[in-house]
N, C-alpha and C. Protein backbone atom coordinates (compact mmCIF):
# COMPACT_ATOMS: atom_id res chain seq x y z
N MET A 1 -123.41 -29.05 46.87
CA MET A 1 -122.70 -28.38 45.84
C MET A 1 -121.26 -28.15 46.27
N THR A 2 -120.35 -28.36 45.29
CA THR A 2 -118.95 -28.19 45.63
C THR A 2 -118.51 -26.79 45.25
N VAL A 3 -117.70 -26.23 46.06
CA VAL A 3 -117.19 -24.88 45.80
C VAL A 3 -115.83 -25.00 45.13
N GLN A 4 -115.68 -24.25 44.02
CA GLN A 4 -114.40 -24.28 43.31
C GLN A 4 -113.46 -23.28 43.97
N PRO A 5 -112.15 -23.66 44.00
CA PRO A 5 -111.21 -22.71 44.59
C PRO A 5 -111.06 -21.49 43.67
N PRO A 6 -110.78 -20.35 44.25
CA PRO A 6 -110.65 -19.16 43.40
C PRO A 6 -109.48 -19.32 42.42
N ASP A 7 -109.66 -18.73 41.25
CA ASP A 7 -108.64 -18.79 40.19
C ASP A 7 -107.44 -17.97 40.65
N PRO A 8 -106.24 -18.60 40.66
CA PRO A 8 -105.09 -17.85 41.15
C PRO A 8 -104.62 -16.80 40.14
N GLY A 9 -105.03 -16.88 38.87
CA GLY A 9 -104.63 -15.89 37.88
C GLY A 9 -103.23 -16.16 37.37
N VAL A 10 -102.70 -15.20 36.66
CA VAL A 10 -101.37 -15.31 36.08
C VAL A 10 -100.46 -14.41 36.89
N TYR A 11 -99.35 -14.98 37.28
CA TYR A 11 -98.38 -14.19 38.05
C TYR A 11 -97.19 -13.92 37.16
N ILE A 12 -96.86 -12.63 36.97
CA ILE A 12 -95.68 -12.23 36.21
C ILE A 12 -94.74 -11.58 37.18
N SER A 13 -93.57 -12.17 37.27
CA SER A 13 -92.60 -11.65 38.23
C SER A 13 -91.97 -10.36 37.71
N PRO A 14 -91.43 -9.55 38.61
CA PRO A 14 -90.74 -8.34 38.17
C PRO A 14 -89.58 -8.66 37.22
N THR A 15 -88.91 -9.76 37.39
CA THR A 15 -87.82 -10.15 36.51
C THR A 15 -88.34 -10.40 35.10
N GLN A 16 -89.48 -11.07 35.00
CA GLN A 16 -90.07 -11.32 33.68
C GLN A 16 -90.53 -10.01 33.03
N THR A 17 -91.08 -9.13 33.83
CA THR A 17 -91.50 -7.82 33.32
C THR A 17 -90.30 -7.05 32.80
N TYR A 18 -89.23 -7.04 33.57
CA TYR A 18 -88.02 -6.33 33.17
C TYR A 18 -87.45 -6.92 31.87
N ALA A 19 -87.42 -8.22 31.75
CA ALA A 19 -86.90 -8.88 30.56
C ALA A 19 -87.75 -8.53 29.34
N GLU A 20 -89.04 -8.49 29.52
CA GLU A 20 -89.93 -8.15 28.40
C GLU A 20 -89.75 -6.69 27.97
N VAL A 21 -89.60 -5.81 28.94
CA VAL A 21 -89.36 -4.39 28.62
C VAL A 21 -88.04 -4.25 27.88
N GLN A 22 -87.01 -4.96 28.28
CA GLN A 22 -85.72 -4.90 27.60
C GLN A 22 -85.83 -5.43 26.17
N ARG A 23 -86.59 -6.48 25.98
CA ARG A 23 -86.80 -7.02 24.64
C ARG A 23 -87.52 -5.99 23.76
N LEU A 24 -88.50 -5.33 24.34
CA LEU A 24 -89.22 -4.30 23.59
C LEU A 24 -88.31 -3.12 23.24
N VAL A 25 -87.41 -2.75 24.16
CA VAL A 25 -86.47 -1.67 23.90
C VAL A 25 -85.56 -2.04 22.72
N ARG A 26 -85.07 -3.27 22.70
CA ARG A 26 -84.22 -3.71 21.59
C ARG A 26 -84.99 -3.69 20.27
N THR A 27 -86.24 -4.13 20.31
CA THR A 27 -87.07 -4.13 19.11
C THR A 27 -87.29 -2.72 18.59
N VAL A 28 -87.60 -1.80 19.51
CA VAL A 28 -87.81 -0.41 19.11
C VAL A 28 -86.52 0.19 18.55
N ASP A 29 -85.37 -0.15 19.14
CA ASP A 29 -84.09 0.33 18.62
C ASP A 29 -83.84 -0.19 17.20
N GLN A 30 -84.17 -1.45 16.96
CA GLN A 30 -84.01 -2.01 15.62
C GLN A 30 -84.92 -1.29 14.63
N ILE A 31 -86.14 -1.02 15.04
CA ILE A 31 -87.09 -0.31 14.17
C ILE A 31 -86.57 1.10 13.88
N ASN A 32 -86.05 1.78 14.90
CA ASN A 32 -85.50 3.12 14.70
C ASN A 32 -84.33 3.09 13.71
N GLY A 33 -83.48 2.08 13.83
CA GLY A 33 -82.36 1.96 12.90
C GLY A 33 -82.83 1.76 11.47
N LYS A 34 -83.85 0.93 11.31
CA LYS A 34 -84.40 0.70 9.97
C LYS A 34 -85.05 1.95 9.41
N ILE A 35 -85.75 2.68 10.25
CA ILE A 35 -86.38 3.92 9.81
C ILE A 35 -85.31 4.93 9.40
N ASP A 36 -84.21 5.01 10.16
CA ASP A 36 -83.13 5.92 9.80
C ASP A 36 -82.54 5.56 8.43
N ARG A 37 -82.36 4.26 8.18
CA ARG A 37 -81.84 3.84 6.88
C ARG A 37 -82.82 4.17 5.76
N ILE A 38 -84.09 4.00 6.03
CA ILE A 38 -85.11 4.32 5.02
C ILE A 38 -85.10 5.81 4.73
N LEU A 39 -84.99 6.63 5.76
CA LEU A 39 -84.94 8.08 5.55
C LEU A 39 -83.70 8.49 4.77
N GLU A 40 -82.57 7.86 5.06
CA GLU A 40 -81.34 8.13 4.32
C GLU A 40 -81.50 7.76 2.85
N ASP A 41 -82.06 6.59 2.59
CA ASP A 41 -82.31 6.16 1.22
C ASP A 41 -83.27 7.12 0.52
N ASN A 42 -84.27 7.57 1.25
CA ASN A 42 -85.25 8.51 0.70
C ASN A 42 -84.57 9.82 0.29
N ARG A 43 -83.64 10.31 1.10
CA ARG A 43 -82.91 11.53 0.76
C ARG A 43 -82.08 11.32 -0.51
N GLU A 44 -81.43 10.17 -0.62
CA GLU A 44 -80.65 9.86 -1.81
C GLU A 44 -81.54 9.78 -3.05
N ILE A 45 -82.69 9.16 -2.90
CA ILE A 45 -83.63 9.03 -4.02
C ILE A 45 -84.12 10.41 -4.44
N LYS A 46 -84.43 11.26 -3.47
CA LYS A 46 -84.87 12.62 -3.81
C LYS A 46 -83.79 13.37 -4.58
N GLY A 47 -82.54 13.20 -4.16
CA GLY A 47 -81.44 13.84 -4.88
C GLY A 47 -81.31 13.32 -6.30
N ASP A 48 -81.44 12.01 -6.46
CA ASP A 48 -81.37 11.42 -7.80
C ASP A 48 -82.51 11.91 -8.69
N VAL A 49 -83.71 11.96 -8.13
CA VAL A 49 -84.87 12.41 -8.90
C VAL A 49 -84.68 13.87 -9.30
N SER A 50 -84.19 14.67 -8.38
CA SER A 50 -83.95 16.09 -8.68
C SER A 50 -82.92 16.23 -9.81
N ASP A 51 -81.85 15.43 -9.73
CA ASP A 51 -80.83 15.46 -10.77
C ASP A 51 -81.42 15.05 -12.12
N HIS A 52 -82.23 14.01 -12.13
CA HIS A 52 -82.84 13.54 -13.38
C HIS A 52 -83.81 14.60 -13.93
N GLU A 53 -84.56 15.24 -13.05
CA GLU A 53 -85.48 16.28 -13.51
C GLU A 53 -84.71 17.43 -14.16
N THR A 54 -83.59 17.80 -13.56
CA THR A 54 -82.76 18.88 -14.11
C THR A 54 -82.25 18.49 -15.49
N ARG A 55 -81.78 17.26 -15.62
CA ARG A 55 -81.29 16.79 -16.91
C ARG A 55 -82.39 16.75 -17.96
N LEU A 56 -83.58 16.28 -17.57
CA LEU A 56 -84.69 16.22 -18.51
C LEU A 56 -85.09 17.61 -18.98
N ARG A 57 -85.13 18.56 -18.07
CA ARG A 57 -85.47 19.93 -18.46
C ARG A 57 -84.44 20.49 -19.43
N ALA A 58 -83.17 20.21 -19.17
CA ALA A 58 -82.11 20.68 -20.07
C ALA A 58 -82.26 20.04 -21.45
N LEU A 59 -82.61 18.75 -21.49
CA LEU A 59 -82.82 18.08 -22.78
C LEU A 59 -84.01 18.67 -23.52
N GLU A 60 -85.09 18.92 -22.79
CA GLU A 60 -86.29 19.45 -23.42
C GLU A 60 -86.05 20.85 -23.97
N LEU A 61 -85.25 21.63 -23.30
CA LEU A 61 -84.99 22.99 -23.74
C LEU A 61 -83.83 23.08 -24.72
N GLY A 62 -83.14 21.97 -24.96
CA GLY A 62 -82.01 21.95 -25.89
C GLY A 62 -80.80 22.67 -25.34
N GLU A 63 -80.58 22.59 -24.06
CA GLU A 63 -79.49 23.32 -23.42
C GLU A 63 -78.26 22.47 -23.13
N THR A 64 -78.26 21.23 -23.55
CA THR A 64 -77.08 20.41 -23.28
C THR A 64 -75.96 20.80 -24.23
N PRO A 65 -74.72 20.62 -23.83
CA PRO A 65 -73.60 20.98 -24.71
C PRO A 65 -73.65 20.24 -26.05
N ARG A 66 -74.04 19.00 -26.02
CA ARG A 66 -74.11 18.23 -27.26
C ARG A 66 -75.17 18.80 -28.20
N GLN A 67 -76.33 19.15 -27.64
CA GLN A 67 -77.38 19.71 -28.48
C GLN A 67 -76.96 21.06 -29.06
N GLN A 68 -76.30 21.88 -28.26
CA GLN A 68 -75.83 23.18 -28.75
C GLN A 68 -74.78 23.00 -29.83
N ARG A 69 -73.88 22.04 -29.64
CA ARG A 69 -72.86 21.76 -30.64
C ARG A 69 -73.49 21.28 -31.95
N ASP A 70 -74.48 20.40 -31.84
CA ASP A 70 -75.15 19.90 -33.03
C ASP A 70 -75.92 21.01 -33.75
N GLU A 71 -76.57 21.88 -32.99
CA GLU A 71 -77.28 23.00 -33.61
C GLU A 71 -76.32 23.91 -34.37
N ALA A 72 -75.14 24.15 -33.78
CA ALA A 72 -74.14 24.98 -34.46
C ALA A 72 -73.66 24.30 -35.75
N ARG A 73 -73.44 22.99 -35.71
CA ARG A 73 -73.02 22.26 -36.91
C ARG A 73 -74.09 22.32 -37.99
N ILE A 74 -75.34 22.14 -37.60
CA ILE A 74 -76.43 22.17 -38.58
C ILE A 74 -76.54 23.56 -39.20
N ALA A 75 -76.43 24.59 -38.36
CA ALA A 75 -76.52 25.96 -38.89
C ALA A 75 -75.37 26.22 -39.87
N ALA A 76 -74.16 25.74 -39.56
CA ALA A 76 -73.02 25.93 -40.46
C ALA A 76 -73.24 25.19 -41.77
N LEU A 77 -73.76 23.98 -41.70
CA LEU A 77 -74.04 23.23 -42.93
C LEU A 77 -75.11 23.92 -43.76
N GLU A 78 -76.12 24.46 -43.13
CA GLU A 78 -77.16 25.15 -43.87
C GLU A 78 -76.63 26.42 -44.53
N ARG A 79 -75.74 27.13 -43.86
CA ARG A 79 -75.15 28.34 -44.46
C ARG A 79 -74.33 27.97 -45.70
N ARG A 80 -73.63 26.86 -45.66
CA ARG A 80 -72.81 26.44 -46.79
C ARG A 80 -73.65 25.88 -47.93
N ARG A 81 -74.83 25.41 -47.65
CA ARG A 81 -75.65 24.74 -48.64
C ARG A 81 -76.40 25.72 -49.53
N TRP A 82 -76.72 26.90 -49.07
CA TRP A 82 -77.61 27.79 -49.83
C TRP A 82 -77.10 28.15 -51.21
N PRO A 83 -75.77 28.28 -51.50
CA PRO A 83 -75.37 28.66 -52.86
C PRO A 83 -75.62 27.57 -53.90
N LEU A 84 -75.78 26.33 -53.52
CA LEU A 84 -75.93 25.25 -54.50
C LEU A 84 -77.14 25.46 -55.41
N PRO A 85 -78.32 25.78 -54.91
CA PRO A 85 -79.43 26.02 -55.85
C PRO A 85 -79.18 27.24 -56.74
N THR A 86 -78.54 28.25 -56.18
CA THR A 86 -78.23 29.44 -56.98
C THR A 86 -77.25 29.09 -58.09
N ILE A 87 -76.23 28.33 -57.76
CA ILE A 87 -75.25 27.91 -58.77
C ILE A 87 -75.94 27.07 -59.85
N GLY A 88 -76.85 26.21 -59.45
CA GLY A 88 -77.60 25.39 -60.42
C GLY A 88 -78.43 26.26 -61.34
N ALA A 89 -79.09 27.27 -60.79
CA ALA A 89 -79.92 28.16 -61.62
C ALA A 89 -79.05 28.95 -62.59
N VAL A 90 -77.92 29.48 -62.11
CA VAL A 90 -77.02 30.24 -62.96
C VAL A 90 -76.47 29.35 -64.08
N THR A 91 -76.12 28.13 -63.74
CA THR A 91 -75.61 27.20 -64.74
C THR A 91 -76.68 26.90 -65.78
N GLY A 92 -77.91 26.74 -65.34
CA GLY A 92 -79.01 26.49 -66.27
C GLY A 92 -79.24 27.66 -67.20
N VAL A 93 -79.23 28.86 -66.65
CA VAL A 93 -79.40 30.05 -67.49
C VAL A 93 -78.24 30.18 -68.47
N ALA A 94 -77.02 29.90 -68.01
CA ALA A 94 -75.86 29.97 -68.91
C ALA A 94 -75.98 28.93 -70.02
N GLY A 95 -76.48 27.77 -69.70
CA GLY A 95 -76.68 26.72 -70.72
C GLY A 95 -77.70 27.14 -71.75
N VAL A 96 -78.81 27.73 -71.29
CA VAL A 96 -79.84 28.20 -72.22
C VAL A 96 -79.27 29.32 -73.10
N ALA A 97 -78.52 30.24 -72.47
CA ALA A 97 -77.93 31.34 -73.24
C ALA A 97 -76.95 30.81 -74.28
N THR A 98 -76.15 29.83 -73.90
CA THR A 98 -75.20 29.23 -74.84
C THR A 98 -75.94 28.55 -75.97
N ALA A 99 -77.02 27.87 -75.69
CA ALA A 99 -77.80 27.20 -76.71
C ALA A 99 -78.43 28.21 -77.66
N LEU A 100 -78.93 29.32 -77.12
CA LEU A 100 -79.52 30.34 -77.96
C LEU A 100 -78.47 31.00 -78.86
N VAL A 101 -77.30 31.27 -78.30
CA VAL A 101 -76.21 31.86 -79.09
C VAL A 101 -75.81 30.89 -80.20
N ALA A 102 -75.71 29.63 -79.88
CA ALA A 102 -75.32 28.63 -80.88
C ALA A 102 -76.40 28.52 -81.96
N LEU A 103 -77.66 28.66 -81.58
CA LEU A 103 -78.77 28.57 -82.53
C LEU A 103 -78.76 29.74 -83.50
N PHE A 104 -78.54 30.94 -82.98
CA PHE A 104 -78.60 32.13 -83.84
C PHE A 104 -77.31 32.36 -84.62
N VAL A 105 -76.20 31.83 -84.19
CA VAL A 105 -74.94 32.02 -84.89
C VAL A 105 -74.93 31.24 -86.17
N ARG A 106 -75.57 30.22 -86.38
CA ARG A 106 -75.57 29.41 -87.60
C ARG A 106 -76.13 30.12 -88.71
């Protein structure tokens, strides 16, 4: 029977180990930079969402300047409109009275 020589294994030199550690450090630094950018973007998105929520609440409650201005215009138009039916009724009654006077005067 022949005896096989022992397996010498894998030899990694200290230089190779150091180079691999340096490569890993650069990779981790790149990942940290990307995470920082993601966190910055996340803060901006949160601010935008908060701003949009505030605007939506103002719209729902009718608190925007445009909505308040429109409400004031509508209220003013409604105040001016109310005499028209009254004027129509008075005119109708005056017409009937005039017709009755004309009928009985003959």
